[in-house]
Protein backbone atom coordinates (compact mmCIF):
# COMPACT_ATOMS: atom_id res chain seq x y z
CA MET A 1 -92.48 55.78 89.72
CA PHE A 2 -90.77 56.56 93.05
CA LYS A 3 -87.31 55.03 92.46
CA LYS A 4 -85.45 58.05 93.85
CA ASP A 5 -85.89 59.64 97.24
CA ILE A 6 -88.66 62.20 97.10
CA THR A 7 -89.59 65.19 99.19
CA ALA A 8 -93.13 66.19 99.96
CA GLY A 9 -94.39 69.33 98.29
CA SER A 10 -97.16 71.54 99.55
CA LYS A 11 -99.58 70.07 102.05
CA SER A 12 -103.22 71.14 102.21
CA LYS A 13 -106.31 70.06 104.09
CA VAL A 14 -108.92 68.22 102.06
CA LYS A 15 -112.42 69.76 102.07
CA SER A 16 -115.03 67.64 103.83
CA SER A 17 -117.03 67.21 100.60
CA VAL A 18 -113.93 65.98 98.75
CA GLN A 19 -113.08 63.72 101.70
CA ARG A 20 -116.54 62.12 101.49
CA GLY A 21 -115.94 61.57 97.77
CA ILE A 22 -112.60 59.92 98.48
CA ARG A 23 -114.22 57.66 101.08
CA SER A 24 -116.88 56.54 98.62
CA LYS A 25 -114.31 56.06 95.84
CA VAL A 26 -112.16 53.90 98.16
CA VAL A 27 -115.16 51.73 99.08
CA GLU A 28 -116.11 51.45 95.40
CA GLU A 29 -112.61 50.44 94.26
CA TYR A 30 -111.78 48.28 97.30
CA PRO A 31 -115.12 46.87 98.57
CA LEU A 32 -113.42 44.67 101.19
CA LEU A 33 -112.24 47.85 102.97
CA GLU A 34 -115.82 48.95 103.69
CA PRO A 35 -115.97 47.51 107.25
CA TYR A 36 -112.74 49.37 108.09
CA ILE A 37 -113.40 52.67 106.29
CA ASP A 38 -114.25 54.55 109.52
CA GLU A 39 -110.92 53.42 110.96
CA ILE A 40 -108.97 54.33 107.81
CA ILE A 41 -110.65 57.66 107.00
CA PRO A 42 -112.73 58.74 110.02
CA LYS A 43 -115.64 61.07 109.30
CA LYS A 44 -114.33 63.56 111.85
CA GLY A 45 -110.67 63.08 110.87
CA GLN A 46 -108.82 65.55 108.67
CA LEU A 47 -107.33 64.13 105.49
CA ASP A 48 -104.27 65.88 104.03
CA HIS A 49 -103.41 66.20 100.34
CA ILE A 50 -99.64 66.21 99.77
CA LYS A 51 -98.16 67.06 96.40
CA LEU A 52 -95.41 64.75 95.18
CA PRO A 53 -93.11 64.97 92.13
CA ASP A 54 -94.33 63.84 88.69
CA ARG A 55 -97.90 65.02 89.25
CA CYS A 56 -98.61 62.54 92.01
CA ALA A 57 -100.61 63.16 95.15
CA LEU A 58 -100.56 61.43 98.51
CA TYR A 59 -103.53 61.35 100.87
CA ALA A 60 -102.56 61.00 104.49
CA LEU A 61 -104.22 61.12 107.89
CA GLY A 62 -101.73 62.94 110.09
CA ALA A 63 -98.40 61.14 109.62
CA THR A 64 -100.06 57.98 108.25
CA PRO A 65 -99.95 57.65 104.45
CA LEU A 66 -103.11 56.06 103.05
CA PHE A 67 -103.44 56.36 99.27
CA PHE A 68 -101.53 57.86 96.39
CA GLN A 69 -102.67 58.85 92.94
CA HIS A 70 -100.95 59.82 89.70
CA MET A 71 -102.96 62.58 87.99
CA ASP A 72 -106.51 61.18 87.56
CA ASP A 73 -105.54 57.50 87.70
CA ALA A 74 -106.94 55.08 90.27
CA LEU A 75 -106.30 55.58 93.97
CA LEU A 76 -103.64 53.07 94.98
CA PRO A 77 -103.09 52.06 98.60
CA HIS A 78 -99.80 52.86 100.30
CA LEU A 79 -97.99 49.69 101.42
CA ALA A 80 -98.37 50.75 105.08
CA LEU A 81 -102.15 50.48 104.61
CA VAL A 82 -101.79 47.18 102.75
CA HIS A 83 -99.72 45.74 105.62
CA LYS A 84 -102.42 46.76 108.10
CA PHE A 85 -105.33 45.29 106.06
CA PRO A 86 -103.77 42.64 103.77
CA GLN A 87 -106.97 40.63 103.34
CA CYS A 88 -108.81 43.59 101.74
CA PHE A 89 -106.94 43.77 98.44
CA ALA A 90 -106.74 41.65 95.30
CA ARG A 91 -103.34 39.99 95.35
CA VAL A 92 -100.92 37.81 93.50
CA ARG A 93 -97.61 36.28 94.56
CA CYS A 94 -94.25 36.46 92.82
CA ASP A 95 -91.62 33.75 93.08
CA ARG A 96 -88.37 34.07 95.05
CA GLY A 97 -86.36 34.91 91.93
CA ALA A 98 -88.42 38.03 91.19
CA ILE A 99 -88.16 39.55 94.69
CA ARG A 100 -84.82 41.27 94.20
CA PHE A 101 -85.96 42.77 90.90
CA VAL A 102 -89.19 44.08 92.40
CA LEU A 103 -87.33 45.64 95.34
CA SER A 104 -84.87 47.35 92.98
CA GLY A 105 -87.68 49.01 91.04
CA ALA A 106 -87.61 46.82 87.94
CA THR A 107 -90.83 46.05 86.12
CA LEU A 108 -92.43 42.79 87.25
CA MET A 109 -92.64 40.32 84.40
CA VAL A 110 -95.27 37.59 83.89
CA PRO A 111 -92.88 34.61 84.43
CA GLY A 112 -92.32 35.81 88.01
CA LEU A 113 -96.04 35.25 88.67
CA THR A 114 -96.70 32.12 86.61
CA SER A 115 -93.68 30.04 87.70
CA ALA A 116 -93.77 27.40 90.45
CA GLY A 117 -93.47 29.90 93.34
CA GLY A 118 -95.92 32.42 91.91
CA ARG A 119 -99.68 32.47 92.50
CA LEU A 120 -102.53 33.96 90.51
CA PRO A 121 -106.24 33.91 91.40
CA GLY A 122 -107.77 30.53 90.62
CA ASP A 123 -104.46 28.63 90.87
CA GLU A 124 -104.56 25.25 92.56
CA GLU A 125 -103.36 25.59 96.15
CA ASP A 126 -100.74 23.30 97.59
CA ASP A 127 -101.13 24.43 101.21
CA ASP A 128 -104.35 24.13 103.21
CA GLU A 129 -103.55 27.36 105.08
CA GLU A 130 -103.59 29.31 101.78
CA GLU A 131 -106.98 27.96 100.70
CA GLY A 132 -108.89 30.79 99.04
CA LYS A 133 -106.23 33.40 99.86
CA TRP A 134 -105.63 34.34 96.21
CA GLY A 135 -109.31 34.38 95.24
CA ASP A 136 -111.13 32.58 92.46
CA GLU A 137 -112.01 35.49 90.17
CA GLU A 138 -109.62 36.40 87.38
CA LEU A 139 -108.17 39.91 87.57
CA GLU A 140 -108.48 42.23 84.59
CA ALA A 141 -105.96 44.62 83.08
CA GLY A 142 -106.13 48.02 84.77
CA GLU A 143 -107.00 46.66 88.24
CA ALA A 144 -104.99 47.71 91.28
CA VAL A 145 -103.30 44.63 92.73
CA VAL A 146 -100.95 43.90 95.63
CA VAL A 147 -97.95 41.63 95.08
CA GLU A 148 -96.76 39.39 97.88
CA ALA A 149 -93.45 37.55 97.74
CA GLU A 150 -92.96 33.81 98.08
CA GLY A 151 -91.87 32.97 101.62
CA LYS A 152 -92.43 36.51 102.96
CA GLU A 153 -95.09 37.73 105.34
CA HIS A 154 -95.86 41.20 103.95
CA ALA A 155 -96.64 42.57 100.51
CA CYS A 156 -93.74 44.13 98.63
CA PHE A 157 -95.42 45.93 95.72
CA VAL A 158 -98.69 47.57 94.72
CA GLY A 159 -99.46 48.54 91.14
CA VAL A 160 -101.83 48.33 88.20
CA LEU A 161 -102.04 45.17 86.09
CA LYS A 162 -100.84 45.59 82.52
CA MET A 163 -102.63 42.39 81.41
CA GLY A 164 -105.30 40.19 82.95
CA THR A 165 -104.39 37.06 84.89
CA GLU A 166 -106.12 34.78 82.39
CA GLU A 167 -104.01 36.25 79.58
CA MET A 168 -100.87 35.87 81.74
CA ARG A 169 -101.47 32.12 81.98
CA LYS A 170 -101.99 31.82 78.22
CA VAL A 171 -99.12 34.03 77.03
CA GLY A 172 -96.62 33.30 79.82
CA LYS A 173 -94.41 36.31 79.05
CA GLY A 174 -94.44 40.09 78.92
CA LEU A 175 -94.98 42.92 81.39
CA ALA A 176 -97.29 42.10 84.28
CA PHE A 177 -97.53 45.53 85.93
CA GLU A 178 -97.25 49.18 85.17
CA SER A 179 -95.05 51.14 87.56
CA GLY A 180 -96.16 51.25 91.16
CA HIS A 181 -94.99 51.52 94.75
CA TYR A 182 -92.59 49.01 96.32
CA LEU A 183 -90.83 48.50 99.64
CA GLY A 184 -87.84 50.78 99.96
CA ASP A 185 -88.80 53.26 97.23
CA GLY A 186 -89.03 57.03 97.69
CA LEU A 187 -92.69 56.92 98.74
CA TRP A 188 -91.94 54.24 101.36
CA GLY A 189 -89.12 56.37 102.81
CA LEU A 190 -91.08 59.65 102.78
CA LYS A 191 -91.33 61.21 106.23
CA LEU A 192 -94.60 63.02 106.93
CA ASP A 193 -94.00 64.27 110.49
């Protein structure tokens, strides 16, 4: 979605009523963010709406990008927000072989998640420190999910699942995600100051 460098379009202040709606939508879509919502979108803070190419919008607080949205699709978190609150998002892990493809903007395929280095919710854990990190509930198609990389500390991709995790295990091939936002893409490099 943001493979090329992008420039921000017009910037406008979000009305307080719309900002309250965004807050409630964020809590509804990402319930684990509720304890941090006043830190992320303060009631007295001013949220900005920034137009991006291809009918996308970015919501930012000052120079801090928070969420982006394509038309009327789901609000997806910016990776800067994911890095600050990694425990608050549904996540999966891709294996080492898929990392370079993800960071070049290629579509993430199911084998990158179901192979030995990948992790899906409900997978048996081999490390005690990762116990429960991936969750036990299966993820459905259409859910916003963060992708972490095997052996790396921070998430590298956020997008919408193309198929559920249970189906991924059964089928073992195909597209795992629709386009999204990855480290090093145009949205990551966008300067808001």
